[in-house]
Amino acid sequence: MRGLSQRVLRSEDRRILTGHGTYVDDLRRRTCCTPHWRSPFAHARVQGSDVSSAAGSPGVVAVFHG
């Protein structure tokens, strides 16, 4: 158990200080944007939604609604 003001040995320091660290900006992964639609009416009850045009658009991976 470590106490306050005690030295903490870290294994990543040498890698980061010498420029060999991996940062989030270095990662090359497929990412998706997630736009959200909100009702302009407070406490409105949504009766239904037609997501067929959104789902059929090029580049759309998935459409979620609840």
N, C-alpha and C. Protein backbone atom coordinates (compact mmCIF):
# COMPACT_ATOMS: atom_id res chain seq x y z
N MET A 1 0.84 -1.17 0.00
CA MET A 1 0.00 0.00 0.00
C MET A 1 0.88 1.24 0.00
N ARG A 2 0.55 2.18 -0.84
CA ARG A 2 1.36 3.39 -0.95
C ARG A 2 0.76 4.50 -0.09
N GLY A 3 1.62 5.30 0.44
CA GLY A 3 1.17 6.42 1.24
C GLY A 3 1.34 7.73 0.48
N LEU A 4 0.97 8.79 1.08
CA LEU A 4 1.11 10.11 0.46
C LEU A 4 2.58 10.50 0.40
N SER A 5 2.94 11.21 -0.63
CA SER A 5 4.29 11.76 -0.82
C SER A 5 5.35 10.69 -0.95
N GLN A 6 4.99 9.51 -1.41
CA GLN A 6 5.98 8.46 -1.64
C GLN A 6 6.26 8.36 -3.13
N ARG A 7 7.47 7.97 -3.45
CA ARG A 7 7.90 7.85 -4.83
C ARG A 7 7.14 6.72 -5.52
N VAL A 8 6.71 6.97 -6.75
CA VAL A 8 6.02 5.96 -7.54
C VAL A 8 6.88 5.65 -8.76
N LEU A 9 7.31 4.41 -8.90
CA LEU A 9 8.11 4.01 -10.05
C LEU A 9 7.17 3.72 -11.21
N ARG A 10 7.43 4.36 -12.35
CA ARG A 10 6.59 4.16 -13.53
C ARG A 10 7.45 3.56 -14.64
N SER A 11 6.88 2.63 -15.36
CA SER A 11 7.65 1.95 -16.40
C SER A 11 7.59 2.67 -17.75
N GLU A 12 6.67 3.60 -17.94
CA GLU A 12 6.50 4.23 -19.24
C GLU A 12 7.33 5.50 -19.43
N ASP A 13 7.99 5.99 -18.42
CA ASP A 13 8.70 7.27 -18.52
C ASP A 13 9.76 7.29 -19.61
N ARG A 14 10.63 6.31 -19.67
CA ARG A 14 11.72 6.30 -20.65
C ARG A 14 11.16 6.31 -22.07
N ARG A 15 10.14 5.53 -22.32
CA ARG A 15 9.53 5.44 -23.65
C ARG A 15 8.94 6.79 -24.07
N ILE A 16 8.24 7.46 -23.18
CA ILE A 16 7.61 8.74 -23.50
C ILE A 16 8.65 9.85 -23.65
N LEU A 17 9.62 9.90 -22.75
CA LEU A 17 10.62 10.97 -22.79
C LEU A 17 11.56 10.87 -23.98
N THR A 18 11.73 9.68 -24.54
CA THR A 18 12.61 9.52 -25.70
C THR A 18 11.86 9.59 -27.02
N GLY A 19 10.55 9.87 -26.97
CA GLY A 19 9.77 10.03 -28.19
C GLY A 19 9.24 8.75 -28.79
N HIS A 20 9.27 7.66 -28.05
CA HIS A 20 8.79 6.37 -28.55
C HIS A 20 7.43 5.97 -27.97
N GLY A 21 6.75 6.91 -27.35
CA GLY A 21 5.44 6.62 -26.76
C GLY A 21 4.36 6.55 -27.83
N THR A 22 3.27 5.88 -27.50
CA THR A 22 2.11 5.80 -28.38
C THR A 22 1.02 6.68 -27.79
N TYR A 23 0.56 7.61 -28.59
CA TYR A 23 -0.47 8.53 -28.14
C TYR A 23 -1.76 8.25 -28.89
N VAL A 24 -2.86 8.77 -28.40
CA VAL A 24 -4.16 8.52 -29.01
C VAL A 24 -4.17 9.00 -30.46
N ASP A 25 -3.52 10.11 -30.75
CA ASP A 25 -3.49 10.63 -32.11
C ASP A 25 -2.72 9.71 -33.07
N ASP A 26 -1.87 8.85 -32.54
CA ASP A 26 -1.09 7.93 -33.37
C ASP A 26 -1.90 6.70 -33.78
N LEU A 27 -2.99 6.43 -33.12
CA LEU A 27 -3.76 5.22 -33.41
C LEU A 27 -4.54 5.40 -34.71
N ARG A 28 -4.53 4.40 -35.55
CA ARG A 28 -5.26 4.42 -36.82
C ARG A 28 -6.37 3.39 -36.74
N ARG A 29 -7.52 3.83 -36.35
CA ARG A 29 -8.67 2.94 -36.23
C ARG A 29 -9.83 3.55 -36.99
N ARG A 30 -10.77 2.70 -37.37
CA ARG A 30 -11.97 3.18 -38.03
C ARG A 30 -12.89 3.77 -36.98
N THR A 31 -13.21 5.04 -37.15
CA THR A 31 -14.08 5.69 -36.19
C THR A 31 -15.36 6.14 -36.89
N CYS A 32 -16.40 6.27 -36.14
CA CYS A 32 -17.69 6.70 -36.67
C CYS A 32 -18.16 7.95 -35.93
N CYS A 33 -18.84 8.82 -36.65
CA CYS A 33 -19.47 9.98 -36.03
C CYS A 33 -20.87 9.59 -35.59
N THR A 34 -21.33 10.14 -34.51
CA THR A 34 -22.66 9.80 -34.01
C THR A 34 -23.49 11.06 -33.81
N PRO A 35 -24.18 11.49 -34.85
CA PRO A 35 -25.08 12.63 -34.67
C PRO A 35 -26.32 12.21 -33.88
N HIS A 36 -26.85 13.12 -33.10
CA HIS A 36 -28.03 12.83 -32.27
C HIS A 36 -29.14 13.81 -32.65
N TRP A 37 -30.33 13.31 -32.69
CA TRP A 37 -31.49 14.17 -32.95
C TRP A 37 -32.28 14.28 -31.67
N ARG A 38 -32.63 15.48 -31.32
CA ARG A 38 -33.44 15.72 -30.12
C ARG A 38 -34.70 16.45 -30.53
N SER A 39 -35.78 16.16 -29.85
CA SER A 39 -37.04 16.82 -30.14
C SER A 39 -36.97 18.29 -29.74
N PRO A 40 -37.50 19.18 -30.56
CA PRO A 40 -37.51 20.59 -30.19
C PRO A 40 -38.60 20.92 -29.18
N PHE A 41 -39.41 19.93 -28.82
CA PHE A 41 -40.52 20.14 -27.90
C PHE A 41 -40.24 19.45 -26.57
N ALA A 42 -40.31 20.20 -25.49
CA ALA A 42 -40.07 19.63 -24.16
C ALA A 42 -41.20 18.66 -23.81
N HIS A 43 -40.85 17.53 -23.28
CA HIS A 43 -41.80 16.51 -22.82
C HIS A 43 -42.69 15.97 -23.93
N ALA A 44 -42.22 16.06 -25.17
CA ALA A 44 -43.01 15.55 -26.30
C ALA A 44 -42.92 14.03 -26.34
N ARG A 45 -43.95 13.42 -26.82
CA ARG A 45 -43.98 11.97 -26.97
C ARG A 45 -43.83 11.65 -28.46
N VAL A 46 -42.72 11.03 -28.84
CA VAL A 46 -42.47 10.70 -30.24
C VAL A 46 -43.31 9.49 -30.60
N GLN A 47 -44.15 9.64 -31.60
CA GLN A 47 -45.06 8.56 -32.00
C GLN A 47 -44.39 7.56 -32.93
N GLY A 48 -43.40 7.98 -33.64
CA GLY A 48 -42.70 7.07 -34.55
C GLY A 48 -41.62 7.81 -35.31
N SER A 49 -40.79 7.07 -36.00
CA SER A 49 -39.73 7.69 -36.79
C SER A 49 -39.43 6.79 -37.98
N ASP A 50 -39.19 7.40 -39.12
CA ASP A 50 -38.85 6.68 -40.34
C ASP A 50 -37.36 6.86 -40.57
N VAL A 51 -36.58 5.81 -40.34
CA VAL A 51 -35.13 5.89 -40.45
C VAL A 51 -34.63 5.23 -41.73
N SER A 52 -35.53 4.87 -42.65
CA SER A 52 -35.13 4.16 -43.87
C SER A 52 -34.21 5.02 -44.75
N SER A 53 -34.49 6.31 -44.86
CA SER A 53 -33.62 7.16 -45.70
C SER A 53 -32.24 7.32 -45.06
N ALA A 54 -32.19 7.42 -43.75
CA ALA A 54 -30.89 7.53 -43.07
C ALA A 54 -30.11 6.23 -43.19
N ALA A 55 -30.79 5.10 -43.02
CA ALA A 55 -30.12 3.80 -43.09
C ALA A 55 -29.62 3.50 -44.49
N GLY A 56 -30.29 4.04 -45.52
CA GLY A 56 -29.89 3.79 -46.89
C GLY A 56 -28.86 4.76 -47.43
N SER A 57 -28.46 5.72 -46.65
CA SER A 57 -27.47 6.71 -47.10
C SER A 57 -26.08 6.09 -47.18
N PRO A 58 -25.27 6.52 -48.15
CA PRO A 58 -23.91 5.97 -48.28
C PRO A 58 -23.05 6.34 -47.06
N GLY A 59 -22.30 5.38 -46.58
CA GLY A 59 -21.41 5.61 -45.45
C GLY A 59 -22.03 5.38 -44.10
N VAL A 60 -23.34 5.14 -44.05
CA VAL A 60 -24.00 4.90 -42.77
C VAL A 60 -23.75 3.46 -42.34
N VAL A 61 -23.23 3.28 -41.15
CA VAL A 61 -22.93 1.95 -40.62
C VAL A 61 -24.15 1.37 -39.92
N ALA A 62 -24.82 2.17 -39.10
CA ALA A 62 -25.97 1.69 -38.35
C ALA A 62 -26.83 2.88 -37.94
N VAL A 63 -28.11 2.60 -37.72
CA VAL A 63 -29.04 3.61 -37.22
C VAL A 63 -29.71 3.04 -35.98
N PHE A 64 -29.64 3.75 -34.89
CA PHE A 64 -30.24 3.32 -33.63
C PHE A 64 -31.33 4.31 -33.23
N HIS A 65 -32.42 3.81 -32.78
CA HIS A 65 -33.48 4.67 -32.24
C HIS A 65 -34.20 3.90 -31.16
N GLY A 66 -34.78 4.63 -30.26
CA GLY A 66 -35.41 3.94 -29.14
C GLY A 66 -36.76 4.48 -28.79
